[in-house]
Amino acid sequence: MLHDIEVPEWQKNQMITFEVDDLDGYWSELEAKNLGASFEGTKFRPPTDFPWGREIHFIDPGGVCWHVRQSKK
């Protein structure tokens, strides 16, 4: 659920994680939207392999860090 709030201390310390079945496909959809051009302050890291799994990271305009993971099948 997204809210129109302005609580910087909370926002910069918030992290949301969710899983998708096709991380590369999801990344392609994000890239095509060019969200960084429309929403100032957003940052994106493409699919990256980590010891715990493959993830995309992005920071939304409110400063919340999102982790999108490849579902384990």
N, C-alpha and C. Protein backbone atom coordinates (compact mmCIF):
# COMPACT_ATOMS: atom_id res chain seq x y z
N MET A 1 0.85 -1.17 0.00
CA MET A 1 0.00 0.00 0.00
C MET A 1 0.90 1.23 0.00
N LEU A 2 0.65 2.17 -0.88
CA LEU A 2 1.44 3.39 -0.96
C LEU A 2 0.66 4.55 -0.35
N HIS A 3 1.36 5.43 0.34
CA HIS A 3 0.74 6.58 0.99
C HIS A 3 1.46 7.84 0.58
N ASP A 4 0.74 8.94 0.57
CA ASP A 4 1.33 10.25 0.34
C ASP A 4 1.72 10.81 1.71
N ILE A 5 2.94 10.50 2.12
CA ILE A 5 3.41 10.93 3.44
C ILE A 5 4.74 11.64 3.30
N GLU A 6 5.12 12.35 4.32
CA GLU A 6 6.42 13.03 4.34
C GLU A 6 7.01 12.85 5.73
N VAL A 7 7.65 11.70 5.94
CA VAL A 7 8.32 11.38 7.20
C VAL A 7 9.72 10.88 6.84
N PRO A 8 10.64 11.79 6.52
CA PRO A 8 11.95 11.39 6.00
C PRO A 8 12.71 10.39 6.87
N GLU A 9 12.67 10.53 8.17
CA GLU A 9 13.40 9.59 9.04
C GLU A 9 12.89 8.17 8.86
N TRP A 10 11.59 8.02 8.73
CA TRP A 10 11.01 6.70 8.52
C TRP A 10 11.31 6.21 7.11
N GLN A 11 11.11 7.07 6.12
CA GLN A 11 11.26 6.68 4.73
C GLN A 11 12.68 6.23 4.40
N LYS A 12 13.69 6.92 4.87
CA LYS A 12 15.06 6.56 4.51
C LYS A 12 15.52 5.28 5.22
N ASN A 13 14.74 4.80 6.17
CA ASN A 13 15.09 3.57 6.88
C ASN A 13 14.14 2.43 6.56
N GLN A 14 13.28 2.61 5.57
CA GLN A 14 12.30 1.60 5.20
C GLN A 14 12.81 0.76 4.02
N MET A 15 12.55 -0.53 4.07
CA MET A 15 12.90 -1.43 2.97
C MET A 15 11.72 -2.35 2.70
N ILE A 16 11.41 -2.53 1.43
CA ILE A 16 10.33 -3.42 1.02
C ILE A 16 10.93 -4.48 0.10
N THR A 17 10.57 -5.73 0.33
CA THR A 17 11.07 -6.83 -0.50
C THR A 17 9.90 -7.63 -1.04
N PHE A 18 9.96 -7.95 -2.32
CA PHE A 18 8.98 -8.86 -2.89
C PHE A 18 9.64 -9.69 -3.98
N GLU A 19 8.99 -10.78 -4.35
CA GLU A 19 9.54 -11.71 -5.32
C GLU A 19 8.71 -11.73 -6.60
N VAL A 20 9.40 -11.94 -7.71
CA VAL A 20 8.75 -12.11 -9.01
C VAL A 20 9.27 -13.40 -9.63
N ASP A 21 8.49 -13.96 -10.54
CA ASP A 21 8.89 -15.20 -11.21
C ASP A 21 9.96 -14.98 -12.26
N ASP A 22 9.96 -13.80 -12.91
CA ASP A 22 10.90 -13.51 -14.00
C ASP A 22 11.56 -12.17 -13.75
N LEU A 23 12.69 -12.18 -13.06
CA LEU A 23 13.37 -10.94 -12.68
C LEU A 23 13.84 -10.16 -13.90
N ASP A 24 14.39 -10.84 -14.89
CA ASP A 24 14.86 -10.14 -16.09
C ASP A 24 13.70 -9.51 -16.85
N GLY A 25 12.57 -10.20 -16.93
CA GLY A 25 11.38 -9.65 -17.57
C GLY A 25 10.87 -8.43 -16.82
N TYR A 26 10.86 -8.51 -15.49
CA TYR A 26 10.42 -7.38 -14.66
C TYR A 26 11.34 -6.18 -14.88
N TRP A 27 12.65 -6.45 -14.92
CA TRP A 27 13.61 -5.38 -15.15
C TRP A 27 13.37 -4.72 -16.51
N SER A 28 13.08 -5.51 -17.53
CA SER A 28 12.81 -4.96 -18.86
C SER A 28 11.62 -4.02 -18.82
N GLU A 29 10.59 -4.40 -18.07
CA GLU A 29 9.41 -3.53 -17.93
C GLU A 29 9.77 -2.22 -17.23
N LEU A 30 10.56 -2.30 -16.15
CA LEU A 30 10.97 -1.09 -15.43
C LEU A 30 11.80 -0.18 -16.32
N GLU A 31 12.76 -0.75 -17.02
CA GLU A 31 13.64 0.03 -17.89
C GLU A 31 12.83 0.75 -18.98
N ALA A 32 11.87 0.08 -19.56
CA ALA A 32 11.07 0.66 -20.64
C ALA A 32 10.26 1.86 -20.16
N LYS A 33 9.92 1.91 -18.90
CA LYS A 33 9.13 3.02 -18.36
C LYS A 33 9.97 4.27 -18.12
N ASN A 34 11.31 4.13 -18.07
CA ASN A 34 12.21 5.27 -17.86
C ASN A 34 11.77 6.10 -16.64
N LEU A 35 11.53 5.41 -15.54
CA LEU A 35 11.00 6.06 -14.33
C LEU A 35 11.94 7.10 -13.75
N GLY A 36 13.23 6.92 -13.93
CA GLY A 36 14.18 7.89 -13.41
C GLY A 36 13.99 9.28 -14.02
N ALA A 37 13.53 9.33 -15.26
CA ALA A 37 13.29 10.62 -15.91
C ALA A 37 12.01 11.28 -15.40
N SER A 38 11.06 10.48 -14.94
CA SER A 38 9.78 11.02 -14.49
C SER A 38 9.73 11.31 -13.00
N PHE A 39 10.56 10.61 -12.23
CA PHE A 39 10.51 10.74 -10.77
C PHE A 39 11.90 11.07 -10.23
N GLU A 40 12.08 12.33 -9.91
CA GLU A 40 13.37 12.80 -9.41
C GLU A 40 13.74 12.08 -8.12
N GLY A 41 15.01 11.72 -8.00
CA GLY A 41 15.51 11.09 -6.79
C GLY A 41 15.48 9.58 -6.81
N THR A 42 14.90 9.00 -7.87
CA THR A 42 14.89 7.54 -7.95
C THR A 42 16.25 7.03 -8.42
N LYS A 43 16.60 5.85 -7.94
CA LYS A 43 17.85 5.20 -8.32
C LYS A 43 17.54 3.74 -8.58
N PHE A 44 18.20 3.16 -9.58
CA PHE A 44 17.94 1.77 -9.96
C PHE A 44 19.24 1.00 -10.10
N ARG A 45 19.25 -0.23 -9.62
CA ARG A 45 20.36 -1.16 -9.84
C ARG A 45 19.78 -2.34 -10.60
N PRO A 46 20.33 -2.66 -11.76
CA PRO A 46 19.79 -3.77 -12.56
C PRO A 46 19.97 -5.11 -11.85
N PRO A 47 19.40 -6.17 -12.41
CA PRO A 47 19.54 -7.49 -11.79
C PRO A 47 21.01 -7.80 -11.48
N THR A 48 21.24 -8.17 -10.23
CA THR A 48 22.59 -8.43 -9.73
C THR A 48 22.56 -9.72 -8.93
N ASP A 49 23.59 -10.54 -9.11
CA ASP A 49 23.72 -11.77 -8.34
C ASP A 49 24.42 -11.48 -7.02
N PHE A 50 23.80 -11.89 -5.93
CA PHE A 50 24.36 -11.76 -4.59
C PHE A 50 24.48 -13.16 -4.00
N PRO A 51 25.24 -13.34 -2.92
CA PRO A 51 25.35 -14.67 -2.31
C PRO A 51 23.99 -15.25 -1.90
N TRP A 52 23.02 -14.41 -1.58
CA TRP A 52 21.70 -14.86 -1.13
C TRP A 52 20.69 -14.98 -2.28
N GLY A 53 21.07 -14.53 -3.49
CA GLY A 53 20.17 -14.65 -4.63
C GLY A 53 20.28 -13.47 -5.58
N ARG A 54 19.47 -13.47 -6.58
CA ARG A 54 19.47 -12.45 -7.63
C ARG A 54 18.40 -11.40 -7.31
N GLU A 55 18.79 -10.10 -7.38
CA GLU A 55 17.88 -9.02 -7.00
C GLU A 55 18.03 -7.79 -7.87
N ILE A 56 16.97 -7.00 -7.92
CA ILE A 56 16.97 -5.62 -8.43
C ILE A 56 16.78 -4.74 -7.20
N HIS A 57 17.47 -3.61 -7.15
CA HIS A 57 17.26 -2.64 -6.06
C HIS A 57 16.86 -1.31 -6.68
N PHE A 58 15.91 -0.65 -6.06
CA PHE A 58 15.64 0.73 -6.45
C PHE A 58 15.17 1.53 -5.25
N ILE A 59 15.46 2.83 -5.33
CA ILE A 59 15.04 3.79 -4.32
C ILE A 59 13.92 4.62 -4.94
N ASP A 60 12.77 4.68 -4.27
CA ASP A 60 11.65 5.45 -4.81
C ASP A 60 11.80 6.93 -4.43
N PRO A 61 10.94 7.80 -4.96
CA PRO A 61 11.09 9.24 -4.69
C PRO A 61 11.03 9.60 -3.21
N GLY A 62 10.39 8.78 -2.39
CA GLY A 62 10.31 9.04 -0.96
C GLY A 62 11.52 8.55 -0.18
N GLY A 63 12.42 7.83 -0.85
CA GLY A 63 13.62 7.32 -0.20
C GLY A 63 13.52 5.89 0.28
N VAL A 64 12.40 5.22 -0.02
CA VAL A 64 12.22 3.83 0.40
C VAL A 64 13.01 2.92 -0.54
N CYS A 65 13.75 1.97 0.04
CA CYS A 65 14.55 1.03 -0.73
C CYS A 65 13.73 -0.23 -1.02
N TRP A 66 13.62 -0.58 -2.29
CA TRP A 66 12.87 -1.75 -2.73
C TRP A 66 13.85 -2.82 -3.20
N HIS A 67 13.63 -4.04 -2.76
CA HIS A 67 14.39 -5.22 -3.20
C HIS A 67 13.41 -6.12 -3.93
N VAL A 68 13.68 -6.39 -5.19
CA VAL A 68 12.84 -7.30 -5.97
C VAL A 68 13.69 -8.53 -6.25
N ARG A 69 13.23 -9.69 -5.77
CA ARG A 69 13.99 -10.94 -5.87
C ARG A 69 13.40 -11.88 -6.89
N GLN A 70 14.30 -12.68 -7.44
CA GLN A 70 13.88 -13.79 -8.31
C GLN A 70 13.33 -14.89 -7.41
N SER A 71 12.10 -15.34 -7.68
CA SER A 71 11.51 -16.42 -6.90
C SER A 71 12.34 -17.69 -7.09
N LYS A 72 12.47 -18.45 -6.03
CA LYS A 72 13.13 -19.76 -6.13
C LYS A 72 12.09 -20.75 -6.60
N LYS A 73 12.45 -21.52 -7.59
CA LYS A 73 11.49 -22.48 -8.14
C LYS A 73 11.78 -23.87 -7.67
